[in-house]
């Protein structure tokens, strides 16, 4: 079982293992802003950046959404999916208030098994049930090409590395 820290305290993650390069994620299900469920397979043909975080209502999470919105908006055939267990209403409210139009929010609130399949769900601690912070980049066939799990939940991901990988796949 993988672990990260939250404010310096170790926290275990659920799931058999962290998703790894070479895995295919087409079968994973998320809930879109309009409350419809979709599988990642519906995004096939696009490079996908999964920006995974605990809650859009925290500073580092909000910053990651803003950063990916700004950095990846000019890449053709690239989608940024901001993934959290937040309700779609909260995700949409945030993006609307910030005028963020180059990212798509998706929720795990009805599909916690997706977070566990990725290996990102916090199994214990004060944020149990939410996801740890990280980024996963998928190629156009939805095969994982890059995975980063932040060792500390409050620590941002390496945006430059994720963008570099995404650009190499376009």
N, C-alpha and C. Protein backbone atom coordinates (compact mmCIF):
# COMPACT_ATOMS: atom_id res chain seq x y z
N UNK A 1 0.85 -1.18 0.00
CA UNK A 1 0.00 0.00 0.00
C UNK A 1 0.89 1.24 0.00
N UNK A 2 0.61 2.16 -0.88
CA UNK A 2 1.35 3.41 -1.01
C UNK A 2 0.91 4.38 0.08
N UNK A 3 1.79 5.32 0.42
CA UNK A 3 1.40 6.35 1.38
C UNK A 3 1.99 7.69 0.96
N UNK A 4 1.38 8.75 1.48
CA UNK A 4 1.84 10.12 1.31
C UNK A 4 1.80 10.74 2.72
N UNK A 5 2.09 12.02 2.81
CA UNK A 5 1.93 12.68 4.10
C UNK A 5 0.92 13.81 3.97
N UNK A 6 0.26 14.09 5.08
CA UNK A 6 -0.63 15.23 5.20
C UNK A 6 -0.15 16.02 6.41
N UNK A 7 0.38 17.20 6.13
CA UNK A 7 0.99 18.04 7.17
C UNK A 7 2.04 17.26 7.95
N UNK A 8 2.80 16.45 7.23
CA UNK A 8 3.91 15.70 7.81
C UNK A 8 3.55 14.34 8.39
N UNK A 9 2.27 14.05 8.52
CA UNK A 9 1.83 12.77 9.08
C UNK A 9 1.57 11.77 7.96
N UNK A 10 2.16 10.56 8.02
CA UNK A 10 1.92 9.57 6.97
C UNK A 10 0.44 9.17 6.88
N UNK A 11 -0.03 9.04 5.63
CA UNK A 11 -1.42 8.65 5.35
C UNK A 11 -1.37 7.58 4.26
N UNK A 12 -2.02 6.45 4.51
CA UNK A 12 -2.05 5.36 3.53
C UNK A 12 -3.10 5.65 2.46
N UNK A 13 -2.81 5.15 1.26
CA UNK A 13 -3.73 5.25 0.13
C UNK A 13 -4.39 3.91 -0.10
N UNK A 14 -5.64 3.91 -0.55
CA UNK A 14 -6.34 2.66 -0.82
C UNK A 14 -6.06 2.20 -2.25
N UNK A 15 -6.45 0.99 -2.53
CA UNK A 15 -6.21 0.42 -3.84
C UNK A 15 -5.04 -0.53 -3.77
N UNK A 16 -4.98 -1.42 -4.74
CA UNK A 16 -3.92 -2.42 -4.76
C UNK A 16 -2.56 -1.80 -5.03
N UNK A 17 -2.54 -0.78 -5.89
CA UNK A 17 -1.28 -0.13 -6.26
C UNK A 17 -1.56 1.19 -6.94
N UNK A 18 -0.56 2.01 -7.01
CA UNK A 18 -0.63 3.26 -7.76
C UNK A 18 -0.61 2.92 -9.24
N UNK A 19 -1.44 3.60 -10.02
CA UNK A 19 -1.44 3.42 -11.47
C UNK A 19 -0.01 3.63 -11.98
N UNK A 20 0.36 2.91 -13.03
CA UNK A 20 1.74 3.01 -13.52
C UNK A 20 1.78 3.19 -15.03
N UNK A 21 2.91 3.64 -15.52
CA UNK A 21 3.11 3.81 -16.95
C UNK A 21 2.84 2.48 -17.63
N UNK A 22 2.05 2.54 -18.71
CA UNK A 22 1.68 1.35 -19.46
C UNK A 22 0.26 0.88 -19.19
N UNK A 23 -0.34 1.29 -18.04
CA UNK A 23 -1.72 0.93 -17.74
C UNK A 23 -2.66 1.63 -18.71
N UNK A 24 -3.79 1.00 -19.04
CA UNK A 24 -4.82 1.64 -19.85
C UNK A 24 -5.99 1.98 -18.93
N UNK A 25 -6.49 3.22 -19.02
CA UNK A 25 -7.52 3.70 -18.10
C UNK A 25 -8.88 3.92 -18.75
N UNK A 26 -9.11 3.35 -19.92
CA UNK A 26 -10.35 3.58 -20.67
C UNK A 26 -11.60 3.22 -19.89
N UNK A 27 -11.54 2.23 -19.01
CA UNK A 27 -12.73 1.73 -18.31
C UNK A 27 -13.12 2.55 -17.08
N UNK A 28 -12.31 3.50 -16.66
CA UNK A 28 -12.62 4.25 -15.44
C UNK A 28 -13.79 5.22 -15.68
N UNK A 29 -14.65 5.35 -14.67
CA UNK A 29 -15.85 6.18 -14.78
C UNK A 29 -15.77 7.37 -13.85
N UNK A 30 -16.21 8.52 -14.34
CA UNK A 30 -16.27 9.77 -13.57
C UNK A 30 -17.62 10.44 -13.85
N UNK A 31 -17.95 11.43 -13.03
CA UNK A 31 -19.19 12.19 -13.22
C UNK A 31 -18.84 13.59 -13.72
N UNK A 32 -19.48 13.99 -14.80
CA UNK A 32 -19.22 15.30 -15.42
C UNK A 32 -20.03 16.40 -14.72
N UNK A 33 -19.77 17.62 -15.10
CA UNK A 33 -20.43 18.78 -14.50
C UNK A 33 -21.95 18.74 -14.65
N UNK A 34 -22.44 18.13 -15.73
CA UNK A 34 -23.89 18.05 -15.95
C UNK A 34 -24.52 16.84 -15.25
N UNK A 35 -23.75 16.18 -14.38
CA UNK A 35 -24.17 15.04 -13.58
C UNK A 35 -24.33 13.74 -14.37
N UNK A 36 -23.87 13.72 -15.61
CA UNK A 36 -23.85 12.47 -16.36
C UNK A 36 -22.53 11.74 -16.07
N UNK A 37 -22.62 10.43 -16.11
CA UNK A 37 -21.42 9.63 -15.92
C UNK A 37 -20.81 9.34 -17.28
N UNK A 38 -19.50 9.25 -17.31
CA UNK A 38 -18.80 8.93 -18.55
C UNK A 38 -17.56 8.12 -18.22
N UNK A 39 -17.15 7.31 -19.15
CA UNK A 39 -15.89 6.59 -19.01
C UNK A 39 -14.80 7.37 -19.71
N UNK A 40 -13.59 7.18 -19.24
CA UNK A 40 -12.48 7.86 -19.89
C UNK A 40 -12.39 7.48 -21.36
N UNK A 41 -12.94 6.35 -21.74
CA UNK A 41 -12.94 5.92 -23.15
C UNK A 41 -13.56 6.97 -24.06
N UNK A 42 -14.47 7.78 -23.53
CA UNK A 42 -15.12 8.81 -24.36
C UNK A 42 -14.14 9.92 -24.76
N UNK A 43 -12.96 9.96 -24.15
CA UNK A 43 -11.96 10.98 -24.47
C UNK A 43 -10.87 10.42 -25.40
N UNK A 44 -11.02 9.18 -25.84
CA UNK A 44 -10.01 8.57 -26.70
C UNK A 44 -9.78 9.45 -27.93
N UNK A 45 -8.54 9.55 -28.34
CA UNK A 45 -8.17 10.40 -29.46
C UNK A 45 -7.58 11.72 -29.01
N UNK A 46 -7.64 11.97 -27.72
CA UNK A 46 -7.05 13.17 -27.12
C UNK A 46 -5.97 12.76 -26.13
N UNK A 47 -4.96 13.60 -26.00
CA UNK A 47 -4.04 13.45 -24.89
C UNK A 47 -4.80 13.95 -23.66
N UNK A 48 -4.74 13.20 -22.57
CA UNK A 48 -5.49 13.55 -21.36
C UNK A 48 -4.51 13.80 -20.23
N UNK A 49 -4.69 14.93 -19.55
CA UNK A 49 -3.96 15.21 -18.32
C UNK A 49 -4.96 15.11 -17.19
N UNK A 50 -4.77 14.15 -16.30
CA UNK A 50 -5.61 14.02 -15.11
C UNK A 50 -4.94 14.79 -13.99
N UNK A 51 -5.51 15.93 -13.64
CA UNK A 51 -5.03 16.76 -12.54
C UNK A 51 -5.84 16.31 -11.32
N UNK A 52 -5.25 15.49 -10.47
CA UNK A 52 -5.96 14.86 -9.36
C UNK A 52 -5.61 15.59 -8.06
N UNK A 53 -6.65 15.89 -7.26
CA UNK A 53 -6.41 16.64 -6.02
C UNK A 53 -7.53 16.39 -5.01
N UNK A 54 -7.31 16.75 -3.73
CA UNK A 54 -8.32 16.50 -2.69
C UNK A 54 -9.60 17.32 -2.85
N UNK A 55 -9.48 18.63 -2.99
CA UNK A 55 -10.66 19.49 -3.08
C UNK A 55 -10.33 20.80 -3.77
N UNK A 56 -11.20 21.19 -4.66
CA UNK A 56 -11.00 22.44 -5.40
C UNK A 56 -11.06 23.66 -4.49
N UNK A 57 -11.58 23.48 -3.27
CA UNK A 57 -11.71 24.58 -2.32
C UNK A 57 -10.47 24.79 -1.46
N UNK A 58 -9.32 24.30 -1.88
CA UNK A 58 -8.07 24.57 -1.16
C UNK A 58 -7.12 25.32 -2.08
N UNK A 59 -6.22 26.05 -1.51
CA UNK A 59 -5.33 26.93 -2.27
C UNK A 59 -4.48 26.22 -3.30
N UNK A 60 -3.81 25.13 -2.93
CA UNK A 60 -2.93 24.44 -3.86
C UNK A 60 -3.73 23.78 -4.97
N UNK A 61 -4.90 23.23 -4.63
CA UNK A 61 -5.76 22.60 -5.64
C UNK A 61 -6.24 23.64 -6.65
N UNK A 62 -6.71 24.77 -6.14
CA UNK A 62 -7.19 25.84 -7.02
C UNK A 62 -6.06 26.33 -7.93
N UNK A 63 -4.87 26.46 -7.37
CA UNK A 63 -3.72 26.90 -8.16
C UNK A 63 -3.41 25.90 -9.27
N UNK A 64 -3.54 24.60 -8.99
CA UNK A 64 -3.24 23.61 -10.03
C UNK A 64 -4.24 23.70 -11.18
N UNK A 65 -5.50 23.96 -10.86
CA UNK A 65 -6.52 24.10 -11.91
C UNK A 65 -6.22 25.34 -12.75
N UNK A 66 -5.90 26.44 -12.10
CA UNK A 66 -5.56 27.68 -12.82
C UNK A 66 -4.32 27.47 -13.71
N UNK A 67 -3.31 26.80 -13.16
CA UNK A 67 -2.06 26.61 -13.90
C UNK A 67 -2.28 25.76 -15.14
N UNK A 68 -2.94 24.61 -14.99
CA UNK A 68 -3.18 23.76 -16.16
C UNK A 68 -4.10 24.47 -17.16
N UNK A 69 -5.06 25.26 -16.69
CA UNK A 69 -5.92 26.03 -17.59
C UNK A 69 -5.09 26.96 -18.46
N UNK A 70 -4.12 27.63 -17.87
CA UNK A 70 -3.29 28.59 -18.59
C UNK A 70 -2.26 27.92 -19.49
N UNK A 71 -1.64 26.87 -19.01
CA UNK A 71 -0.50 26.27 -19.70
C UNK A 71 -0.91 25.38 -20.87
N UNK A 72 -1.97 24.63 -20.72
CA UNK A 72 -2.32 23.65 -21.74
C UNK A 72 -3.42 24.10 -22.70
N UNK A 73 -3.83 25.35 -22.61
CA UNK A 73 -4.95 25.81 -23.45
C UNK A 73 -4.63 25.84 -24.93
N UNK A 74 -3.37 25.90 -25.29
CA UNK A 74 -3.00 26.01 -26.70
C UNK A 74 -2.61 24.67 -27.34
N UNK A 75 -2.63 23.60 -26.57
CA UNK A 75 -2.29 22.29 -27.13
C UNK A 75 -3.51 21.66 -27.78
N UNK A 76 -3.39 21.39 -29.07
CA UNK A 76 -4.50 20.74 -29.78
C UNK A 76 -4.65 19.30 -29.32
N UNK A 77 -5.89 18.82 -29.38
CA UNK A 77 -6.19 17.43 -29.04
C UNK A 77 -5.70 17.06 -27.64
N UNK A 78 -5.78 18.01 -26.71
CA UNK A 78 -5.39 17.78 -25.33
C UNK A 78 -6.51 18.23 -24.42
N UNK A 79 -6.88 17.39 -23.48
CA UNK A 79 -7.91 17.70 -22.50
C UNK A 79 -7.31 17.61 -21.11
N UNK A 80 -7.63 18.57 -20.27
CA UNK A 80 -7.25 18.52 -18.87
C UNK A 80 -8.51 18.20 -18.08
N UNK A 81 -8.49 17.07 -17.39
CA UNK A 81 -9.59 16.69 -16.52
C UNK A 81 -9.14 16.90 -15.09
N UNK A 82 -9.82 17.79 -14.39
CA UNK A 82 -9.52 18.07 -12.99
C UNK A 82 -10.38 17.14 -12.15
N UNK A 83 -9.74 16.22 -11.45
CA UNK A 83 -10.40 15.10 -10.79
C UNK A 83 -10.36 15.26 -9.27
N UNK A 84 -11.54 15.27 -8.66
CA UNK A 84 -11.63 15.29 -7.20
C UNK A 84 -12.95 14.66 -6.80
N UNK A 85 -13.15 14.49 -5.50
CA UNK A 85 -14.42 13.97 -5.00
C UNK A 85 -15.42 15.08 -4.72
N UNK A 86 -15.06 16.32 -5.06
CA UNK A 86 -15.99 17.45 -4.89
C UNK A 86 -17.26 17.21 -5.69
N UNK A 87 -18.35 17.77 -5.22
CA UNK A 87 -19.58 17.72 -6.00
C UNK A 87 -19.39 18.53 -7.28
N UNK A 88 -19.98 18.10 -8.38
CA UNK A 88 -19.85 18.85 -9.63
C UNK A 88 -20.30 20.30 -9.50
N UNK A 89 -21.24 20.58 -8.60
CA UNK A 89 -21.71 21.97 -8.41
C UNK A 89 -20.56 22.85 -7.92
N UNK A 90 -19.79 22.35 -6.95
CA UNK A 90 -18.67 23.12 -6.41
C UNK A 90 -17.59 23.30 -7.46
N UNK A 91 -17.32 22.24 -8.22
CA UNK A 91 -16.31 22.34 -9.27
C UNK A 91 -16.71 23.38 -10.32
N UNK A 92 -17.97 23.34 -10.74
CA UNK A 92 -18.46 24.29 -11.76
C UNK A 92 -18.49 25.72 -11.23
N UNK A 93 -18.86 25.87 -9.97
CA UNK A 93 -18.89 27.20 -9.35
C UNK A 93 -17.51 27.82 -9.38
N UNK A 94 -16.51 27.05 -8.99
CA UNK A 94 -15.14 27.54 -8.96
C UNK A 94 -14.68 27.95 -10.36
N UNK A 95 -14.83 27.05 -11.32
CA UNK A 95 -14.37 27.35 -12.68
C UNK A 95 -15.12 28.52 -13.29
N UNK A 96 -16.42 28.63 -13.00
CA UNK A 96 -17.20 29.77 -13.49
C UNK A 96 -16.73 31.08 -12.88
N UNK A 97 -16.51 31.09 -11.58
CA UNK A 97 -16.06 32.31 -10.90
C UNK A 97 -14.67 32.74 -11.37
N UNK A 98 -13.85 31.77 -11.74
CA UNK A 98 -12.48 32.04 -12.19
C UNK A 98 -12.38 32.20 -13.70
N UNK A 99 -13.49 31.99 -14.41
CA UNK A 99 -13.54 32.04 -15.87
C UNK A 99 -12.52 31.07 -16.50
N UNK A 100 -12.48 29.86 -15.97
CA UNK A 100 -11.57 28.82 -16.47
C UNK A 100 -12.31 27.97 -17.49
N UNK A 101 -11.91 28.08 -18.74
CA UNK A 101 -12.62 27.41 -19.82
C UNK A 101 -11.80 26.34 -20.53
N UNK A 102 -10.54 26.17 -20.12
CA UNK A 102 -9.67 25.23 -20.81
C UNK A 102 -9.44 23.94 -20.04
N UNK A 103 -10.19 23.76 -18.97
CA UNK A 103 -10.13 22.53 -18.19
C UNK A 103 -11.55 22.01 -18.03
N UNK A 104 -11.66 20.72 -17.77
CA UNK A 104 -12.97 20.12 -17.50
C UNK A 104 -12.89 19.46 -16.14
N UNK A 105 -13.86 19.76 -15.29
CA UNK A 105 -13.88 19.12 -13.98
C UNK A 105 -14.71 17.85 -14.05
N UNK A 106 -14.23 16.83 -13.36
CA UNK A 106 -14.96 15.57 -13.23
C UNK A 106 -14.86 15.13 -11.78
N UNK A 107 -15.92 14.48 -11.32
CA UNK A 107 -16.02 14.12 -9.91
C UNK A 107 -16.00 12.61 -9.70
N UNK A 108 -15.49 12.24 -8.55
CA UNK A 108 -15.48 10.84 -8.12
C UNK A 108 -16.56 10.57 -7.08
N UNK A 109 -17.43 11.55 -6.82
CA UNK A 109 -18.37 11.41 -5.71
C UNK A 109 -19.28 10.19 -5.86
N UNK A 110 -19.62 9.81 -7.08
CA UNK A 110 -20.42 8.60 -7.31
C UNK A 110 -19.57 7.39 -7.66
N UNK A 111 -18.28 7.64 -7.89
CA UNK A 111 -17.40 6.56 -8.35
C UNK A 111 -16.09 6.54 -7.56
N UNK A 112 -16.17 6.31 -6.26
CA UNK A 112 -14.93 6.26 -5.47
C UNK A 112 -14.00 5.14 -5.91
N UNK A 113 -14.55 4.11 -6.57
CA UNK A 113 -13.72 3.01 -7.05
C UNK A 113 -12.71 3.50 -8.09
N UNK A 114 -13.03 4.59 -8.79
CA UNK A 114 -12.09 5.14 -9.77
C UNK A 114 -10.85 5.69 -9.06
N UNK A 115 -11.06 6.41 -7.98
CA UNK A 115 -9.93 6.91 -7.19
C UNK A 115 -9.07 5.79 -6.66
N UNK A 116 -9.72 4.72 -6.19
CA UNK A 116 -8.98 3.56 -5.69
C UNK A 116 -8.26 2.83 -6.82
N UNK A 117 -8.89 2.73 -7.99
CA UNK A 117 -8.25 2.10 -9.14
C UNK A 117 -6.98 2.84 -9.56
N UNK A 118 -7.02 4.16 -9.42
CA UNK A 118 -5.84 4.97 -9.72
C UNK A 118 -4.78 4.84 -8.62
N UNK A 119 -5.22 4.43 -7.42
CA UNK A 119 -4.32 4.34 -6.28
C UNK A 119 -4.15 5.65 -5.55
N UNK A 120 -5.05 6.61 -5.77
CA UNK A 120 -4.92 7.95 -5.21
C UNK A 120 -5.85 8.23 -4.02
N UNK A 121 -6.77 7.34 -3.68
CA UNK A 121 -7.72 7.62 -2.61
C UNK A 121 -7.06 7.50 -1.24
N UNK A 122 -7.29 8.51 -0.41
CA UNK A 122 -6.76 8.50 0.95
C UNK A 122 -7.59 7.53 1.78
N UNK A 123 -6.93 6.53 2.37
CA UNK A 123 -7.62 5.48 3.13
C UNK A 123 -7.79 5.83 4.59
N UNK A 124 -7.09 6.83 5.06
CA UNK A 124 -7.14 7.17 6.48
C UNK A 124 -6.83 8.65 6.67
N UNK A 125 -6.90 9.10 7.90
CA UNK A 125 -6.58 10.48 8.23
C UNK A 125 -7.79 11.39 8.06
N UNK A 126 -7.61 12.68 8.33
CA UNK A 126 -8.72 13.62 8.30
C UNK A 126 -9.34 13.82 6.92
N UNK A 127 -8.63 13.47 5.86
CA UNK A 127 -9.15 13.63 4.50
C UNK A 127 -9.53 12.28 3.87
N UNK A 128 -9.70 11.26 4.69
CA UNK A 128 -10.03 9.92 4.19
C UNK A 128 -11.22 9.99 3.24
N UNK A 129 -11.10 9.30 2.11
CA UNK A 129 -12.15 9.29 1.10
C UNK A 129 -11.90 10.28 -0.03
N UNK A 130 -11.07 11.29 0.24
CA UNK A 130 -10.69 12.22 -0.82
C UNK A 130 -9.46 11.65 -1.53
N UNK A 131 -8.97 12.35 -2.53
CA UNK A 131 -7.79 11.85 -3.25
C UNK A 131 -6.55 12.63 -2.85
N UNK A 132 -5.42 11.96 -2.97
CA UNK A 132 -4.13 12.62 -2.80
C UNK A 132 -3.91 13.49 -4.04
N UNK A 133 -2.84 14.24 -4.03
CA UNK A 133 -2.53 15.13 -5.15
C UNK A 133 -1.57 14.45 -6.12
N UNK A 134 -1.86 14.60 -7.39
CA UNK A 134 -0.95 14.06 -8.38
C UNK A 134 -1.41 14.40 -9.78
N UNK A 135 -0.68 13.88 -10.74
CA UNK A 135 -1.02 14.09 -12.14
C UNK A 135 -0.70 12.80 -12.90
N UNK A 136 -1.58 12.47 -13.83
CA UNK A 136 -1.40 11.32 -14.70
C UNK A 136 -1.63 11.80 -16.13
N UNK A 137 -0.69 11.51 -17.02
CA UNK A 137 -0.83 11.90 -18.42
C UNK A 137 -1.06 10.65 -19.25
N UNK A 138 -2.12 10.70 -20.08
CA UNK A 138 -2.50 9.57 -20.93
C UNK A 138 -2.30 9.95 -22.39
N UNK A 139 -1.88 8.99 -23.18
CA UNK A 139 -1.76 9.24 -24.62
C UNK A 139 -3.14 9.12 -25.27
N UNK A 140 -3.20 9.24 -26.59
CA UNK A 140 -4.49 9.26 -27.30
C UNK A 140 -5.23 7.93 -27.25
N UNK A 141 -4.55 6.87 -26.82
CA UNK A 141 -5.19 5.57 -26.65
C UNK A 141 -5.53 5.31 -25.18
N UNK A 142 -5.35 6.34 -24.35
CA UNK A 142 -5.66 6.29 -22.91
C UNK A 142 -4.71 5.39 -22.13
N UNK A 143 -3.50 5.27 -22.65
CA UNK A 143 -2.45 4.53 -21.95
C UNK A 143 -1.62 5.52 -21.14
N UNK A 144 -1.34 5.17 -19.91
CA UNK A 144 -0.59 6.04 -19.01
C UNK A 144 0.85 6.20 -19.51
N UNK A 145 1.27 7.46 -19.64
CA UNK A 145 2.64 7.77 -20.07
C UNK A 145 3.43 8.50 -19.00
N UNK A 146 2.75 9.01 -17.97
CA UNK A 146 3.44 9.73 -16.88
C UNK A 146 2.56 9.69 -15.64
N UNK A 147 3.18 9.44 -14.49
CA UNK A 147 2.48 9.45 -13.21
C UNK A 147 3.33 10.20 -12.20
N UNK A 148 2.70 11.10 -11.47
CA UNK A 148 3.36 11.77 -10.35
C UNK A 148 2.38 11.81 -9.18
N UNK A 149 2.81 11.33 -8.05
CA UNK A 149 2.06 11.41 -6.80
C UNK A 149 2.85 12.32 -5.89
N UNK A 150 2.26 13.44 -5.48
CA UNK A 150 2.97 14.34 -4.58
C UNK A 150 3.18 13.65 -3.24
N UNK A 151 4.41 13.66 -2.73
CA UNK A 151 4.67 12.97 -1.47
C UNK A 151 3.96 13.63 -0.28
N UNK A 152 3.72 14.92 -0.37
CA UNK A 152 2.99 15.67 0.65
C UNK A 152 1.75 16.26 -0.02
N UNK A 153 0.59 16.02 0.56
CA UNK A 153 -0.67 16.44 -0.06
C UNK A 153 -0.70 17.94 -0.37
N UNK A 154 -0.06 18.75 0.45
CA UNK A 154 -0.07 20.20 0.24
C UNK A 154 0.97 20.67 -0.77
N UNK A 155 1.73 19.75 -1.34
CA UNK A 155 2.79 20.09 -2.30
C UNK A 155 2.26 19.99 -3.73
N UNK A 156 2.51 21.01 -4.53
CA UNK A 156 2.08 21.01 -5.93
C UNK A 156 2.86 19.99 -6.74
N UNK A 157 2.28 19.58 -7.85
CA UNK A 157 2.96 18.66 -8.77
C UNK A 157 3.97 19.43 -9.62
N UNK A 158 4.78 18.71 -10.34
CA UNK A 158 5.74 19.31 -11.26
C UNK A 158 5.00 19.61 -12.58
N UNK A 159 4.42 20.80 -12.67
CA UNK A 159 3.63 21.18 -13.84
C UNK A 159 4.46 21.10 -15.11
N UNK A 160 5.70 21.57 -15.04
CA UNK A 160 6.55 21.59 -16.23
C UNK A 160 6.76 20.20 -16.80
N UNK A 161 6.99 19.22 -15.94
CA UNK A 161 7.22 17.85 -16.41
C UNK A 161 5.94 17.28 -17.04
N UNK A 162 4.79 17.50 -16.39
CA UNK A 162 3.52 17.00 -16.93
C UNK A 162 3.24 17.63 -18.30
N UNK A 163 3.48 18.92 -18.43
CA UNK A 163 3.24 19.62 -19.70
C UNK A 163 4.21 19.12 -20.76
N UNK A 164 5.47 18.92 -20.39
CA UNK A 164 6.46 18.39 -21.33
C UNK A 164 6.02 17.03 -21.90
N UNK A 165 5.53 16.17 -21.03
CA UNK A 165 5.07 14.85 -21.48
C UNK A 165 3.85 15.01 -22.39
N UNK A 166 2.89 15.85 -21.98
CA UNK A 166 1.68 16.05 -22.79
C UNK A 166 2.06 16.58 -24.17
N UNK A 167 2.95 17.54 -24.24
CA UNK A 167 3.37 18.11 -25.53
C UNK A 167 4.01 17.05 -26.42
N UNK A 168 4.75 16.14 -25.83
CA UNK A 168 5.44 15.11 -26.62
C UNK A 168 4.46 14.11 -27.22
N UNK A 169 3.23 14.07 -26.71
CA UNK A 169 2.24 13.11 -27.17
C UNK A 169 1.24 13.67 -28.18
N UNK A 170 1.24 14.99 -28.35
CA UNK A 170 0.27 15.63 -29.24
C UNK A 170 0.60 15.35 -30.68
